[in-house]
N, C-alpha and C. Protein backbone atom coordinates (compact mmCIF):
# COMPACT_ATOMS: atom_id res chain seq x y z
N MET A 1 18.94 12.74 -15.16
CA MET A 1 18.30 11.50 -14.74
C MET A 1 18.86 11.09 -13.39
N ASN A 2 17.99 10.73 -12.49
CA ASN A 2 18.38 10.31 -11.15
C ASN A 2 18.64 8.80 -11.16
N THR A 3 19.87 8.39 -10.89
CA THR A 3 20.24 6.98 -10.94
C THR A 3 19.84 6.28 -9.65
N PRO A 4 19.11 5.16 -9.74
CA PRO A 4 18.73 4.45 -8.52
C PRO A 4 19.97 3.91 -7.81
N SER A 5 19.83 3.73 -6.50
CA SER A 5 20.97 3.26 -5.73
C SER A 5 21.11 1.75 -5.79
N MET A 6 20.20 1.05 -6.44
CA MET A 6 20.36 -0.40 -6.63
C MET A 6 19.73 -0.82 -7.94
N ASP A 7 20.25 -1.89 -8.49
CA ASP A 7 19.75 -2.47 -9.72
C ASP A 7 18.30 -2.93 -9.52
N VAL A 8 17.47 -2.83 -10.55
CA VAL A 8 16.06 -3.20 -10.43
C VAL A 8 15.88 -4.67 -10.06
N LEU A 9 16.69 -5.56 -10.61
CA LEU A 9 16.55 -6.98 -10.26
C LEU A 9 16.92 -7.22 -8.80
N GLU A 10 17.91 -6.50 -8.32
CA GLU A 10 18.26 -6.60 -6.89
C GLU A 10 17.11 -6.08 -6.03
N ALA A 11 16.49 -4.98 -6.44
CA ALA A 11 15.36 -4.44 -5.69
C ALA A 11 14.21 -5.45 -5.64
N ILE A 12 13.93 -6.11 -6.76
CA ILE A 12 12.86 -7.10 -6.80
C ILE A 12 13.18 -8.27 -5.87
N ARG A 13 14.41 -8.76 -5.91
CA ARG A 13 14.78 -9.93 -5.10
C ARG A 13 14.90 -9.62 -3.61
N THR A 14 15.30 -8.42 -3.26
CA THR A 14 15.58 -8.13 -1.84
C THR A 14 14.45 -7.38 -1.13
N ARG A 15 13.50 -6.84 -1.87
CA ARG A 15 12.40 -6.09 -1.23
C ARG A 15 11.60 -7.00 -0.31
N ARG A 16 11.24 -6.49 0.83
CA ARG A 16 10.42 -7.23 1.80
C ARG A 16 9.31 -6.33 2.30
N SER A 17 8.22 -6.93 2.76
CA SER A 17 7.19 -6.16 3.46
C SER A 17 7.73 -5.87 4.86
N ILE A 18 7.76 -4.61 5.20
CA ILE A 18 8.35 -4.16 6.45
C ILE A 18 7.24 -3.90 7.47
N PRO A 19 7.20 -4.69 8.56
CA PRO A 19 6.13 -4.52 9.53
C PRO A 19 6.36 -3.40 10.55
N GLN A 20 7.61 -2.94 10.70
CA GLN A 20 7.91 -1.90 11.69
C GLN A 20 8.85 -0.87 11.08
N PHE A 21 8.52 0.39 11.33
CA PHE A 21 9.30 1.49 10.79
C PHE A 21 9.92 2.33 11.89
N LYS A 22 11.05 2.95 11.55
CA LYS A 22 11.63 3.97 12.42
C LYS A 22 10.75 5.22 12.28
N PRO A 23 10.79 6.11 13.25
CA PRO A 23 9.92 7.30 13.17
C PRO A 23 10.42 8.38 12.22
N ASP A 24 11.58 8.18 11.59
CA ASP A 24 12.16 9.21 10.72
C ASP A 24 11.21 9.59 9.59
N ALA A 25 11.09 10.89 9.37
CA ALA A 25 10.24 11.40 8.30
C ALA A 25 10.84 11.09 6.94
N ILE A 26 9.99 11.01 5.95
CA ILE A 26 10.42 10.86 4.55
C ILE A 26 10.07 12.17 3.86
N PRO A 27 11.04 12.81 3.23
CA PRO A 27 10.75 14.09 2.58
C PRO A 27 9.65 13.97 1.53
N ARG A 28 8.84 14.99 1.47
CA ARG A 28 7.74 15.03 0.49
C ARG A 28 8.27 14.85 -0.93
N THR A 29 9.44 15.41 -1.22
CA THR A 29 10.01 15.30 -2.57
C THR A 29 10.26 13.84 -2.95
N VAL A 30 10.63 13.01 -1.97
CA VAL A 30 10.85 11.59 -2.25
C VAL A 30 9.53 10.91 -2.59
N ILE A 31 8.48 11.21 -1.82
CA ILE A 31 7.15 10.63 -2.10
C ILE A 31 6.68 11.08 -3.47
N GLU A 32 6.87 12.35 -3.79
CA GLU A 32 6.48 12.85 -5.11
C GLU A 32 7.23 12.12 -6.22
N GLU A 33 8.54 11.88 -6.02
CA GLU A 33 9.34 11.16 -7.01
C GLU A 33 8.82 9.74 -7.21
N LEU A 34 8.47 9.07 -6.10
CA LEU A 34 7.97 7.70 -6.19
C LEU A 34 6.61 7.66 -6.90
N LEU A 35 5.74 8.60 -6.60
CA LEU A 35 4.43 8.63 -7.25
C LEU A 35 4.56 9.01 -8.73
N GLU A 36 5.54 9.83 -9.04
CA GLU A 36 5.79 10.15 -10.45
C GLU A 36 6.23 8.90 -11.21
N ALA A 37 7.02 8.05 -10.56
CA ALA A 37 7.41 6.78 -11.19
C ALA A 37 6.19 5.87 -11.37
N ALA A 38 5.27 5.91 -10.42
CA ALA A 38 4.08 5.05 -10.46
C ALA A 38 3.23 5.30 -11.70
N VAL A 39 3.16 6.54 -12.14
CA VAL A 39 2.29 6.84 -13.28
C VAL A 39 2.83 6.33 -14.60
N TRP A 40 4.04 5.76 -14.58
CA TRP A 40 4.62 5.16 -15.78
C TRP A 40 4.34 3.66 -15.84
N THR A 41 3.54 3.16 -14.93
CA THR A 41 3.15 1.75 -14.95
C THR A 41 2.33 1.46 -16.19
N PRO A 42 2.57 0.32 -16.84
CA PRO A 42 1.76 -0.03 -18.01
C PRO A 42 0.27 -0.08 -17.65
N ASN A 43 -0.54 0.48 -18.52
CA ASN A 43 -2.00 0.38 -18.34
C ASN A 43 -2.64 0.32 -19.71
N HIS A 44 -3.36 -0.79 -19.93
CA HIS A 44 -3.96 -1.06 -21.22
C HIS A 44 -4.91 0.07 -21.61
N ARG A 45 -4.84 0.46 -22.84
CA ARG A 45 -5.68 1.54 -23.39
C ARG A 45 -5.33 2.91 -22.80
N LEU A 46 -4.22 2.98 -22.08
CA LEU A 46 -3.77 4.23 -21.45
C LEU A 46 -4.88 4.90 -20.64
N THR A 47 -5.57 4.11 -19.83
CA THR A 47 -6.65 4.64 -19.01
C THR A 47 -6.15 5.45 -17.82
N GLU A 48 -4.90 5.24 -17.41
CA GLU A 48 -4.33 5.90 -16.23
C GLU A 48 -5.36 5.92 -15.09
N PRO A 49 -5.76 4.74 -14.60
CA PRO A 49 -6.88 4.63 -13.69
C PRO A 49 -6.61 5.03 -12.24
N TRP A 50 -5.37 5.27 -11.90
CA TRP A 50 -4.99 5.47 -10.50
C TRP A 50 -5.23 6.89 -10.01
N GLN A 51 -5.45 6.96 -8.72
CA GLN A 51 -5.42 8.22 -7.99
C GLN A 51 -4.83 7.89 -6.63
N PHE A 52 -3.90 8.72 -6.16
CA PHE A 52 -3.18 8.47 -4.93
C PHE A 52 -3.61 9.47 -3.86
N PHE A 53 -3.77 9.00 -2.64
CA PHE A 53 -4.11 9.84 -1.51
C PHE A 53 -3.02 9.69 -0.46
N VAL A 54 -2.25 10.74 -0.23
CA VAL A 54 -1.20 10.72 0.78
C VAL A 54 -1.82 11.23 2.08
N LEU A 55 -1.84 10.35 3.08
CA LEU A 55 -2.47 10.69 4.35
C LEU A 55 -1.45 11.31 5.30
N GLU A 56 -1.80 12.47 5.81
CA GLU A 56 -0.96 13.17 6.78
C GLU A 56 -1.85 13.69 7.90
N GLY A 57 -1.27 13.99 9.03
CA GLY A 57 -1.96 14.66 10.11
C GLY A 57 -3.31 14.06 10.47
N GLU A 58 -4.35 14.89 10.38
CA GLU A 58 -5.70 14.48 10.78
C GLU A 58 -6.22 13.32 9.93
N SER A 59 -5.93 13.32 8.63
CA SER A 59 -6.43 12.23 7.79
C SER A 59 -5.80 10.90 8.19
N LYS A 60 -4.53 10.92 8.62
CA LYS A 60 -3.88 9.69 9.06
C LYS A 60 -4.50 9.22 10.38
N ARG A 61 -4.81 10.15 11.26
CA ARG A 61 -5.46 9.80 12.53
C ARG A 61 -6.84 9.17 12.27
N ARG A 62 -7.60 9.75 11.35
CA ARG A 62 -8.91 9.19 11.02
C ARG A 62 -8.79 7.81 10.38
N PHE A 63 -7.78 7.63 9.54
CA PHE A 63 -7.53 6.33 8.94
C PHE A 63 -7.18 5.31 10.03
N ALA A 64 -6.39 5.72 11.00
CA ALA A 64 -6.03 4.84 12.12
C ALA A 64 -7.29 4.40 12.88
N GLU A 65 -8.22 5.30 13.06
CA GLU A 65 -9.49 4.97 13.73
C GLU A 65 -10.28 3.95 12.90
N ILE A 66 -10.31 4.14 11.60
CA ILE A 66 -11.02 3.21 10.71
C ILE A 66 -10.40 1.82 10.82
N ARG A 67 -9.08 1.73 10.78
CA ARG A 67 -8.40 0.43 10.90
C ARG A 67 -8.69 -0.21 12.25
N ARG A 68 -8.57 0.57 13.32
CA ARG A 68 -8.81 0.03 14.66
C ARG A 68 -10.25 -0.46 14.78
N ASP A 69 -11.20 0.33 14.29
CA ASP A 69 -12.61 -0.04 14.42
C ASP A 69 -12.96 -1.25 13.56
N ALA A 70 -12.31 -1.39 12.40
CA ALA A 70 -12.53 -2.58 11.56
C ALA A 70 -12.02 -3.82 12.27
N ARG A 71 -10.85 -3.72 12.87
CA ARG A 71 -10.29 -4.85 13.63
C ARG A 71 -11.20 -5.18 14.81
N ARG A 72 -11.67 -4.15 15.48
CA ARG A 72 -12.56 -4.33 16.64
C ARG A 72 -13.84 -5.07 16.23
N ALA A 73 -14.42 -4.69 15.10
CA ALA A 73 -15.67 -5.29 14.63
C ALA A 73 -15.50 -6.77 14.28
N ALA A 74 -14.28 -7.19 13.97
CA ALA A 74 -14.03 -8.58 13.60
C ALA A 74 -13.81 -9.48 14.81
N LEU A 75 -13.70 -8.90 15.99
CA LEU A 75 -13.41 -9.68 17.19
C LEU A 75 -14.67 -10.24 17.82
N PRO A 76 -14.61 -11.46 18.37
CA PRO A 76 -15.79 -12.04 19.01
C PRO A 76 -16.19 -11.31 20.30
N ASN A 77 -15.22 -10.77 21.01
CA ASN A 77 -15.49 -10.04 22.26
C ASN A 77 -14.64 -8.77 22.27
N PRO A 78 -15.04 -7.75 21.49
CA PRO A 78 -14.20 -6.58 21.32
C PRO A 78 -14.03 -5.72 22.58
N ASP A 79 -14.89 -5.92 23.58
CA ASP A 79 -14.77 -5.13 24.81
C ASP A 79 -13.94 -5.81 25.89
N ALA A 80 -13.42 -6.98 25.59
CA ALA A 80 -12.60 -7.70 26.57
C ALA A 80 -11.36 -6.87 26.89
N PRO A 81 -11.02 -6.78 28.16
CA PRO A 81 -9.84 -5.97 28.55
C PRO A 81 -8.55 -6.40 27.86
N GLU A 82 -8.38 -7.69 27.63
CA GLU A 82 -7.13 -8.17 27.02
C GLU A 82 -7.01 -7.76 25.55
N VAL A 83 -8.08 -7.33 24.93
CA VAL A 83 -8.07 -6.94 23.52
C VAL A 83 -7.69 -5.46 23.35
N GLN A 84 -7.88 -4.68 24.36
CA GLN A 84 -7.71 -3.23 24.24
C GLN A 84 -6.29 -2.83 23.84
N ALA A 85 -5.29 -3.50 24.38
CA ALA A 85 -3.90 -3.17 24.03
C ALA A 85 -3.63 -3.46 22.55
N ALA A 86 -4.18 -4.54 22.03
CA ALA A 86 -3.99 -4.88 20.62
C ALA A 86 -4.67 -3.85 19.72
N LEU A 87 -5.86 -3.41 20.10
CA LEU A 87 -6.56 -2.39 19.32
C LEU A 87 -5.81 -1.07 19.36
N GLN A 88 -5.26 -0.74 20.51
CA GLN A 88 -4.47 0.49 20.62
C GLN A 88 -3.22 0.41 19.76
N LYS A 89 -2.62 -0.79 19.69
CA LYS A 89 -1.42 -0.98 18.87
C LYS A 89 -1.74 -0.77 17.38
N VAL A 90 -2.89 -1.26 16.92
CA VAL A 90 -3.29 -1.03 15.52
C VAL A 90 -3.35 0.47 15.26
N TYR A 91 -3.98 1.19 16.18
CA TYR A 91 -4.10 2.65 16.03
C TYR A 91 -2.73 3.31 16.05
N ASP A 92 -1.92 3.00 17.06
CA ASP A 92 -0.61 3.63 17.21
C ASP A 92 0.31 3.33 16.04
N ASP A 93 0.34 2.07 15.60
CA ASP A 93 1.20 1.70 14.47
C ASP A 93 0.82 2.49 13.22
N THR A 94 -0.46 2.70 13.03
CA THR A 94 -0.93 3.44 11.86
C THR A 94 -0.55 4.91 11.96
N VAL A 95 -0.85 5.53 13.09
CA VAL A 95 -0.55 6.95 13.27
C VAL A 95 0.95 7.21 13.21
N ASN A 96 1.74 6.28 13.70
CA ASN A 96 3.20 6.47 13.76
C ASN A 96 3.93 6.07 12.48
N THR A 97 3.22 5.55 11.49
CA THR A 97 3.84 5.25 10.20
C THR A 97 4.18 6.57 9.52
N PRO A 98 5.42 6.73 9.08
CA PRO A 98 5.80 8.03 8.51
C PRO A 98 4.93 8.50 7.34
N VAL A 99 4.62 7.61 6.40
CA VAL A 99 3.80 8.00 5.24
C VAL A 99 2.83 6.86 4.92
N ILE A 100 1.59 7.22 4.62
CA ILE A 100 0.60 6.25 4.15
C ILE A 100 0.01 6.79 2.85
N VAL A 101 0.06 5.96 1.81
CA VAL A 101 -0.54 6.34 0.52
C VAL A 101 -1.63 5.34 0.20
N VAL A 102 -2.84 5.83 -0.02
CA VAL A 102 -3.95 4.97 -0.42
C VAL A 102 -4.05 5.02 -1.94
N PHE A 103 -4.06 3.83 -2.55
CA PHE A 103 -4.15 3.71 -4.00
C PHE A 103 -5.59 3.39 -4.38
N THR A 104 -6.16 4.20 -5.26
CA THR A 104 -7.51 3.95 -5.74
C THR A 104 -7.48 3.83 -7.26
N SER A 105 -8.48 3.14 -7.77
CA SER A 105 -8.56 2.89 -9.21
C SER A 105 -9.94 3.24 -9.74
N ALA A 106 -9.95 3.69 -10.97
CA ALA A 106 -11.22 3.92 -11.65
C ALA A 106 -11.85 2.58 -12.01
N GLY A 107 -13.15 2.52 -11.87
CA GLY A 107 -13.89 1.36 -12.36
C GLY A 107 -14.16 1.58 -13.84
N HIS A 108 -15.03 0.75 -14.38
CA HIS A 108 -15.41 0.92 -15.79
C HIS A 108 -16.64 0.06 -16.05
N ALA A 109 -17.49 0.50 -16.97
CA ALA A 109 -18.68 -0.28 -17.33
C ALA A 109 -18.32 -1.61 -17.98
N ASP A 110 -17.19 -1.63 -18.68
CA ASP A 110 -16.71 -2.86 -19.31
C ASP A 110 -15.90 -3.64 -18.27
N PRO A 111 -16.35 -4.85 -17.89
CA PRO A 111 -15.65 -5.62 -16.85
C PRO A 111 -14.19 -5.90 -17.17
N GLU A 112 -13.87 -6.08 -18.45
CA GLU A 112 -12.47 -6.34 -18.83
C GLU A 112 -11.60 -5.12 -18.55
N ILE A 113 -12.07 -3.94 -18.94
CA ILE A 113 -11.31 -2.72 -18.69
C ILE A 113 -11.22 -2.44 -17.20
N GLN A 114 -12.30 -2.70 -16.48
CA GLN A 114 -12.28 -2.50 -15.04
C GLN A 114 -11.20 -3.36 -14.37
N GLU A 115 -11.15 -4.63 -14.74
CA GLU A 115 -10.14 -5.51 -14.16
C GLU A 115 -8.74 -5.05 -14.54
N GLU A 116 -8.55 -4.65 -15.79
CA GLU A 116 -7.25 -4.13 -16.22
C GLU A 116 -6.87 -2.89 -15.41
N ASN A 117 -7.83 -2.04 -15.13
CA ASN A 117 -7.57 -0.84 -14.33
C ASN A 117 -7.09 -1.22 -12.92
N TYR A 118 -7.76 -2.19 -12.32
CA TYR A 118 -7.38 -2.60 -10.97
C TYR A 118 -5.97 -3.17 -10.95
N TRP A 119 -5.66 -4.02 -11.91
CA TRP A 119 -4.31 -4.61 -11.97
C TRP A 119 -3.27 -3.54 -12.22
N SER A 120 -3.56 -2.59 -13.09
CA SER A 120 -2.60 -1.51 -13.36
C SER A 120 -2.34 -0.68 -12.11
N THR A 121 -3.40 -0.44 -11.34
CA THR A 121 -3.22 0.35 -10.13
C THR A 121 -2.38 -0.41 -9.11
N PHE A 122 -2.57 -1.72 -9.02
CA PHE A 122 -1.68 -2.48 -8.14
C PHE A 122 -0.25 -2.40 -8.67
N GLY A 123 -0.09 -2.45 -9.99
CA GLY A 123 1.24 -2.30 -10.59
C GLY A 123 1.87 -0.97 -10.21
N ALA A 124 1.07 0.08 -10.16
CA ALA A 124 1.58 1.40 -9.73
C ALA A 124 2.07 1.34 -8.28
N ALA A 125 1.31 0.63 -7.44
CA ALA A 125 1.73 0.48 -6.04
C ALA A 125 3.05 -0.30 -5.97
N TYR A 126 3.18 -1.34 -6.78
CA TYR A 126 4.41 -2.14 -6.78
C TYR A 126 5.59 -1.31 -7.28
N ALA A 127 5.35 -0.44 -8.26
CA ALA A 127 6.42 0.44 -8.73
C ALA A 127 6.91 1.33 -7.58
N VAL A 128 5.98 1.84 -6.78
CA VAL A 128 6.37 2.65 -5.61
C VAL A 128 7.14 1.80 -4.62
N MET A 129 6.70 0.55 -4.39
CA MET A 129 7.41 -0.33 -3.46
C MET A 129 8.85 -0.55 -3.91
N LEU A 130 9.05 -0.83 -5.19
CA LEU A 130 10.40 -1.07 -5.69
C LEU A 130 11.24 0.20 -5.67
N GLY A 131 10.66 1.30 -6.08
CA GLY A 131 11.39 2.57 -6.05
C GLY A 131 11.78 2.96 -4.64
N ALA A 132 10.85 2.76 -3.70
CA ALA A 132 11.15 3.09 -2.30
C ALA A 132 12.29 2.22 -1.80
N TRP A 133 12.21 0.91 -2.08
CA TRP A 133 13.25 -0.01 -1.61
C TRP A 133 14.62 0.38 -2.17
N SER A 134 14.64 0.82 -3.42
CA SER A 134 15.92 1.22 -4.03
C SER A 134 16.50 2.45 -3.34
N ARG A 135 15.66 3.17 -2.60
CA ARG A 135 16.10 4.37 -1.86
C ARG A 135 16.26 4.08 -0.36
N GLY A 136 16.17 2.79 0.02
CA GLY A 136 16.33 2.45 1.43
C GLY A 136 15.08 2.64 2.27
N ILE A 137 13.94 2.77 1.60
CA ILE A 137 12.66 2.97 2.29
C ILE A 137 11.86 1.68 2.19
N GLY A 138 11.35 1.23 3.32
CA GLY A 138 10.54 0.02 3.34
C GLY A 138 9.07 0.33 3.12
N THR A 139 8.34 -0.70 2.76
CA THR A 139 6.90 -0.55 2.51
C THR A 139 6.14 -1.76 3.05
N TYR A 140 4.86 -1.56 3.25
CA TYR A 140 3.96 -2.64 3.63
C TYR A 140 2.62 -2.32 2.98
N PHE A 141 2.15 -3.19 2.07
CA PHE A 141 0.90 -2.95 1.36
C PHE A 141 -0.23 -3.67 2.08
N ARG A 142 -1.27 -2.95 2.47
CA ARG A 142 -2.39 -3.51 3.21
C ARG A 142 -3.65 -3.45 2.36
N THR A 143 -4.36 -4.60 2.33
CA THR A 143 -5.55 -4.70 1.49
C THR A 143 -6.76 -5.25 2.23
N GLY A 144 -6.76 -5.22 3.54
CA GLY A 144 -7.86 -5.79 4.30
C GLY A 144 -9.22 -5.30 3.83
N LYS A 145 -10.08 -6.24 3.46
CA LYS A 145 -11.39 -5.92 2.88
C LYS A 145 -12.23 -5.00 3.76
N ALA A 146 -12.21 -5.25 5.07
CA ALA A 146 -13.02 -4.43 5.98
C ALA A 146 -12.59 -2.96 5.95
N VAL A 147 -11.32 -2.72 5.66
CA VAL A 147 -10.83 -1.34 5.60
C VAL A 147 -11.01 -0.77 4.19
N VAL A 148 -10.54 -1.49 3.16
CA VAL A 148 -10.60 -0.91 1.81
C VAL A 148 -12.04 -0.73 1.31
N ASP A 149 -12.97 -1.52 1.83
CA ASP A 149 -14.38 -1.37 1.45
C ASP A 149 -15.17 -0.51 2.44
N SER A 150 -14.49 0.07 3.41
CA SER A 150 -15.17 0.83 4.45
C SER A 150 -15.83 2.11 3.91
N PRO A 151 -17.11 2.30 4.18
CA PRO A 151 -17.76 3.56 3.79
C PRO A 151 -17.08 4.76 4.46
N ARG A 152 -16.55 4.56 5.66
CA ARG A 152 -15.85 5.66 6.34
C ARG A 152 -14.58 6.05 5.59
N LEU A 153 -13.86 5.07 5.05
CA LEU A 153 -12.66 5.39 4.28
C LEU A 153 -13.05 6.10 2.99
N ARG A 154 -14.09 5.61 2.34
CA ARG A 154 -14.54 6.25 1.11
C ARG A 154 -14.93 7.70 1.38
N ALA A 155 -15.59 7.93 2.51
CA ALA A 155 -15.97 9.31 2.87
C ALA A 155 -14.73 10.16 3.16
N LEU A 156 -13.77 9.59 3.88
CA LEU A 156 -12.54 10.31 4.19
C LEU A 156 -11.84 10.76 2.91
N LEU A 157 -11.80 9.89 1.92
CA LEU A 157 -11.13 10.19 0.66
C LEU A 157 -12.01 10.97 -0.31
N GLY A 158 -13.31 11.02 -0.03
CA GLY A 158 -14.24 11.69 -0.94
C GLY A 158 -14.38 10.95 -2.26
N LEU A 159 -14.40 9.61 -2.19
CA LEU A 159 -14.43 8.81 -3.42
C LEU A 159 -15.83 8.74 -4.02
N PRO A 160 -15.91 8.91 -5.34
CA PRO A 160 -17.19 8.67 -6.01
C PRO A 160 -17.42 7.16 -6.11
N ASP A 161 -18.64 6.78 -6.42
CA ASP A 161 -19.01 5.35 -6.47
C ASP A 161 -18.20 4.54 -7.47
N ASP A 162 -17.69 5.18 -8.52
CA ASP A 162 -16.99 4.43 -9.56
C ASP A 162 -15.50 4.23 -9.29
N ARG A 163 -15.03 4.55 -8.09
CA ARG A 163 -13.62 4.32 -7.73
C ARG A 163 -13.54 3.24 -6.67
N ARG A 164 -12.47 2.46 -6.75
CA ARG A 164 -12.24 1.38 -5.79
C ARG A 164 -10.91 1.60 -5.08
N VAL A 165 -10.91 1.37 -3.78
CA VAL A 165 -9.66 1.40 -3.03
C VAL A 165 -8.96 0.06 -3.29
N ILE A 166 -7.73 0.11 -3.78
CA ILE A 166 -6.95 -1.09 -4.06
C ILE A 166 -6.18 -1.50 -2.81
N GLY A 167 -5.68 -0.52 -2.07
CA GLY A 167 -4.95 -0.82 -0.85
C GLY A 167 -4.25 0.42 -0.31
N ALA A 168 -3.67 0.26 0.87
CA ALA A 168 -2.93 1.34 1.52
C ALA A 168 -1.48 0.90 1.64
N LEU A 169 -0.58 1.76 1.19
CA LEU A 169 0.85 1.47 1.25
C LEU A 169 1.48 2.29 2.36
N TYR A 170 2.07 1.57 3.32
CA TYR A 170 2.78 2.21 4.42
C TYR A 170 4.24 2.33 4.00
N LEU A 171 4.86 3.48 4.26
CA LEU A 171 6.25 3.71 3.90
C LEU A 171 7.02 4.27 5.09
N GLY A 172 8.24 3.81 5.25
CA GLY A 172 9.11 4.32 6.29
C GLY A 172 10.46 3.63 6.24
N HIS A 173 11.38 4.13 7.00
CA HIS A 173 12.70 3.49 7.08
C HIS A 173 12.56 2.25 7.95
N PRO A 174 13.03 1.10 7.47
CA PRO A 174 12.82 -0.17 8.19
C PRO A 174 13.47 -0.18 9.58
N ALA A 175 12.70 -0.62 10.56
CA ALA A 175 13.25 -0.90 11.89
C ALA A 175 13.84 -2.30 11.88
N VAL A 176 13.21 -3.20 11.13
CA VAL A 176 13.64 -4.58 11.00
C VAL A 176 13.33 -5.02 9.57
N VAL A 177 14.22 -5.80 8.97
CA VAL A 177 13.98 -6.35 7.64
C VAL A 177 13.83 -7.85 7.79
N PRO A 178 12.60 -8.37 7.62
CA PRO A 178 12.40 -9.82 7.75
C PRO A 178 13.15 -10.58 6.65
N GLN A 179 13.60 -11.75 6.98
CA GLN A 179 14.25 -12.61 5.99
C GLN A 179 13.21 -13.64 5.54
N LYS A 180 12.99 -13.70 4.26
CA LYS A 180 11.99 -14.61 3.70
C LYS A 180 12.61 -15.42 2.58
N ARG A 181 11.99 -16.53 2.29
CA ARG A 181 12.43 -17.37 1.17
C ARG A 181 11.28 -17.51 0.19
N ARG A 182 11.61 -17.77 -1.03
CA ARG A 182 10.61 -18.02 -2.06
C ARG A 182 10.92 -19.33 -2.75
N THR A 183 9.88 -19.97 -3.24
CA THR A 183 10.05 -21.17 -4.05
C THR A 183 10.77 -20.76 -5.34
N PRO A 184 11.79 -21.48 -5.73
CA PRO A 184 12.50 -21.12 -6.97
C PRO A 184 11.55 -21.10 -8.17
N ALA A 185 11.78 -20.17 -9.07
CA ALA A 185 10.94 -20.02 -10.26
C ALA A 185 10.88 -21.32 -11.07
N ALA A 186 11.96 -22.09 -11.08
CA ALA A 186 11.99 -23.34 -11.84
C ALA A 186 10.89 -24.30 -11.39
N GLU A 187 10.50 -24.22 -10.12
CA GLU A 187 9.45 -25.09 -9.60
C GLU A 187 8.04 -24.57 -9.92
N LYS A 188 7.95 -23.36 -10.44
CA LYS A 188 6.66 -22.74 -10.75
C LYS A 188 6.51 -22.44 -12.24
N THR A 189 7.44 -22.92 -13.03
CA THR A 189 7.46 -22.57 -14.46
C THR A 189 7.20 -23.78 -15.33
N VAL A 190 6.36 -23.60 -16.32
CA VAL A 190 6.08 -24.63 -17.32
C VAL A 190 6.54 -24.06 -18.66
N TRP A 191 7.47 -24.75 -19.32
CA TRP A 191 7.96 -24.35 -20.64
C TRP A 191 7.18 -25.14 -21.69
N LEU A 192 6.54 -24.44 -22.60
CA LEU A 192 5.77 -25.08 -23.65
C LEU A 192 6.45 -24.85 -24.99
N SER A 193 6.46 -25.90 -25.83
CA SER A 193 7.03 -25.78 -27.18
C SER A 193 5.94 -25.92 -28.21
C-alpha cells in the first residue's frame, strides 16, 4: 500500500485551486495512480459513470484552441488589438499546463440516475484533486459552459450523445499557492434534534 504524504483532512483543508504551474512534467504513473483512486469514488447503483481523457500533444493544442476560441466568442470586440494578448495567454496557459484530464459522465434515461452520475463524476475529479495535492501536485478544475458544451470538444473526445463533459482538470506543480479563507463550518451548519 502506498502511504500518502499527508493526512486526508490536511489535504482537504490545505488544497487550493492553482492558477499557475511550473513546467515540470508529471510522470504518467502518477496520473494513472490518481485516476485509479478516482474510480473508487462512491457512485449510487455502481454505475461507474466516468470516463477520463488525458490530453497530450496535439489533443492539448486543439483543446487550447477551443478554449481560446470560446473566450474570443464571448468578447464584445474580439478583433481589438488589446484583446489579442489575453487570447494568446489563454492558449499558452492551456498548452503549457503539464497535464489536462477531461472528466466525462454517462447520462441516463432516468433523471435521478443521470444526476447521481454527474455528481459521482465530479466526486471522482475531487478525489484526483485531493490525491494530487497529497503528492505536491496542484490542480485547477475548469467548467466553463462554452467549453464543456462545445461541439468541437465533443468531437475531439469522440463523445457519443449520451455523455456529458463535467469539466477539465489541470494538473502541475504549483508556481504559486493562493491563500484563501473559508467561512467556518459552524456558521453554515444547522443541528436538528
